[in-house]
Amino acid sequence: MPTDESDFSERGPKAPVTSLPEALELLKLVRDRIGFAEASRETVAEALGHTSLNGTSKRKIAALSHFDLISRSGGGAYRISDLGR
């Protein structure tokens, strides 16, 4: 366990690769480009500046989910969560 908050070299296996401040910037992109409507994973990736789903875009979407800034609906679409609003 790191003793200094600035030392993020030891992460758990489920820890996001994106910090909360970075995730909030990503959320702003999604909000500006999609709004609060439901969107597919591919559309969220495009809102984040990617042309397709790839490892980087999937990690960014996973970070947004990890911080509960976006959530998935029953149909598999994503939307900005109540916390993300």
C-alpha atoms as a PDB file:
ATOM      1  CA  MET A   1       0.000   0.000   0.000  1.00  0.00           C
ATOM      2  CA  PRO A   2       1.462   3.373  -0.963  1.00  0.00           C
ATOM      3  CA  THR A   3       2.208   5.644   1.969  1.00  0.00           C
ATOM      4  CA  ASP A   4       2.234   8.816  -0.103  1.00  0.00           C
ATOM      5  CA  GLU A   5      -0.931   9.797  -2.002  1.00  0.00           C
ATOM      6  CA  SER A   6       1.183  10.910  -4.968  1.00  0.00           C
ATOM      7  CA  ASP A   7       2.577   7.361  -5.392  1.00  0.00           C
ATOM      8  CA  PHE A   8       0.189   5.511  -7.678  1.00  0.00           C
ATOM      9  CA  SER A   9       2.698   2.846  -8.702  1.00  0.00           C
ATOM     10  CA  GLU A  10       0.837   0.197  -6.706  1.00  0.00           C
ATOM     11  CA  ARG A  11      -2.660  -0.251  -8.064  1.00  0.00           C
ATOM     12  CA  GLY A  12      -5.212  -2.929  -7.594  1.00  0.00           C
ATOM     13  CA  PRO A  13      -6.172  -4.993 -10.642  1.00  0.00           C
ATOM     14  CA  LYS A  14      -9.501  -3.164 -11.011  1.00  0.00           C
ATOM     15  CA  ALA A  15      -8.162   0.347 -10.534  1.00  0.00           C
ATOM     16  CA  PRO A  16      -8.853   2.646 -13.481  1.00  0.00           C
ATOM     17  CA  VAL A  17      -5.910   3.936 -15.492  1.00  0.00           C
ATOM     18  CA  THR A  18      -7.559   7.367 -15.527  1.00  0.00           C
ATOM     19  CA  SER A  19      -7.627   9.637 -12.473  1.00  0.00           C
ATOM     20  CA  LEU A  20     -10.868  11.217 -11.290  1.00  0.00           C
ATOM     21  CA  PRO A  21      -9.908  14.692 -12.596  1.00  0.00           C
ATOM     22  CA  GLU A  22      -9.125  13.155 -16.004  1.00  0.00           C
ATOM     23  CA  ALA A  23     -12.407  11.232 -15.930  1.00  0.00           C
ATOM     24  CA  LEU A  24     -14.282  14.461 -15.258  1.00  0.00           C
ATOM     25  CA  GLU A  25     -12.669  15.983 -18.366  1.00  0.00           C
ATOM     26  CA  LEU A  26     -13.747  12.921 -20.375  1.00  0.00           C
ATOM     27  CA  LEU A  27     -17.259  13.268 -18.994  1.00  0.00           C
ATOM     28  CA  LYS A  28     -17.355  16.862 -20.216  1.00  0.00           C
ATOM     29  CA  LEU A  29     -16.530  15.632 -23.747  1.00  0.00           C
ATOM     30  CA  VAL A  30     -19.339  13.091 -23.601  1.00  0.00           C
ATOM     31  CA  ARG A  31     -21.792  15.647 -22.215  1.00  0.00           C
ATOM     32  CA  ASP A  32     -20.854  18.264 -24.829  1.00  0.00           C
ATOM     33  CA  ARG A  33     -21.058  15.851 -27.774  1.00  0.00           C
ATOM     34  CA  ILE A  34     -23.896  13.503 -26.783  1.00  0.00           C
ATOM     35  CA  GLY A  35     -25.760  15.246 -24.010  1.00  0.00           C
ATOM     36  CA  PHE A  36     -27.840  13.156 -21.643  1.00  0.00           C
ATOM     37  CA  ALA A  37     -29.297  10.811 -24.252  1.00  0.00           C
ATOM     38  CA  GLU A  38     -28.519   7.103 -24.304  1.00  0.00           C
ATOM     39  CA  ALA A  39     -25.729   6.155 -26.679  1.00  0.00           C
ATOM     40  CA  SER A  40     -23.947   3.023 -27.851  1.00  0.00           C
ATOM     41  CA  ARG A  41     -20.439   2.210 -26.666  1.00  0.00           C
ATOM     42  CA  GLU A  42     -19.156   3.128 -30.133  1.00  0.00           C
ATOM     43  CA  THR A  43     -20.848   6.535 -29.987  1.00  0.00           C
ATOM     44  CA  VAL A  44     -19.335   7.219 -26.554  1.00  0.00           C
ATOM     45  CA  ALA A  45     -15.905   6.260 -27.959  1.00  0.00           C
ATOM     46  CA  GLU A  46     -16.418   8.718 -30.828  1.00  0.00           C
ATOM     47  CA  ALA A  47     -17.415  11.442 -28.340  1.00  0.00           C
ATOM     48  CA  LEU A  48     -14.104  10.788 -26.592  1.00  0.00           C
ATOM     49  CA  GLY A  49     -12.267  11.451 -29.857  1.00  0.00           C
ATOM     50  CA  HIS A  50     -11.725   7.898 -31.100  1.00  0.00           C
ATOM     51  CA  THR A  51     -12.694   6.617 -34.529  1.00  0.00           C
ATOM     52  CA  SER A  52     -13.472   3.123 -33.252  1.00  0.00           C
ATOM     53  CA  LEU A  53     -13.533   0.961 -30.164  1.00  0.00           C
ATOM     54  CA  ASN A  54      -9.996   0.067 -29.171  1.00  0.00           C
ATOM     55  CA  GLY A  55      -8.089  -0.566 -25.979  1.00  0.00           C
ATOM     56  CA  THR A  56      -7.673   3.104 -25.170  1.00  0.00           C
ATOM     57  CA  SER A  57     -11.308   4.017 -25.752  1.00  0.00           C
ATOM     58  CA  LYS A  58     -12.502   0.986 -23.783  1.00  0.00           C
ATOM     59  CA  ARG A  59     -10.281   1.946 -20.829  1.00  0.00           C
ATOM     60  CA  LYS A  60     -11.651   5.495 -20.876  1.00  0.00           C
ATOM     61  CA  ILE A  61     -15.245   4.227 -20.916  1.00  0.00           C
ATOM     62  CA  ALA A  62     -14.390   1.781 -18.132  1.00  0.00           C
ATOM     63  CA  ALA A  63     -12.958   4.646 -16.047  1.00  0.00           C
ATOM     64  CA  LEU A  64     -16.146   6.661 -16.508  1.00  0.00           C
ATOM     65  CA  SER A  65     -18.130   3.621 -15.367  1.00  0.00           C
ATOM     66  CA  HIS A  66     -15.752   2.955 -12.462  1.00  0.00           C
ATOM     67  CA  PHE A  67     -16.315   6.449 -11.083  1.00  0.00           C
ATOM     68  CA  ASP A  68     -20.079   6.016 -11.714  1.00  0.00           C
ATOM     69  CA  LEU A  69     -20.131   8.966 -14.106  1.00  0.00           C
ATOM     70  CA  ILE A  70     -21.872   6.919 -16.808  1.00  0.00           C
ATOM     71  CA  SER A  71     -24.070   3.869 -16.477  1.00  0.00           C
ATOM     72  CA  ARG A  72     -25.509   1.221 -18.754  1.00  0.00           C
ATOM     73  CA  SER A  73     -29.208   0.818 -19.350  1.00  0.00           C
ATOM     74  CA  GLY A  74     -30.977  -2.504 -19.666  1.00  0.00           C
ATOM     75  CA  GLY A  75     -30.476  -2.449 -23.434  1.00  0.00           C
ATOM     76  CA  GLY A  76     -26.718  -2.011 -23.142  1.00  0.00           C
ATOM     77  CA  ALA A  77     -26.635   1.672 -24.085  1.00  0.00           C
ATOM     78  CA  TYR A  78     -24.703   4.141 -21.961  1.00  0.00           C
ATOM     79  CA  ARG A  79     -25.944   7.359 -20.451  1.00  0.00           C
ATOM     80  CA  ILE A  80     -24.587   9.937 -18.046  1.00  0.00           C
ATOM     81  CA  SER A  81     -25.494   8.829 -14.542  1.00  0.00           C
ATOM     82  CA  ASP A  82     -27.197  10.946 -11.902  1.00  0.00           C
ATOM     83  CA  LEU A  83     -23.781  11.463 -10.272  1.00  0.00           C
ATOM     84  CA  GLY A  84     -22.338  12.554 -13.640  1.00  0.00           C
ATOM     85  CA  ARG A  85     -25.017  15.189 -14.107  1.00  0.00           C
END
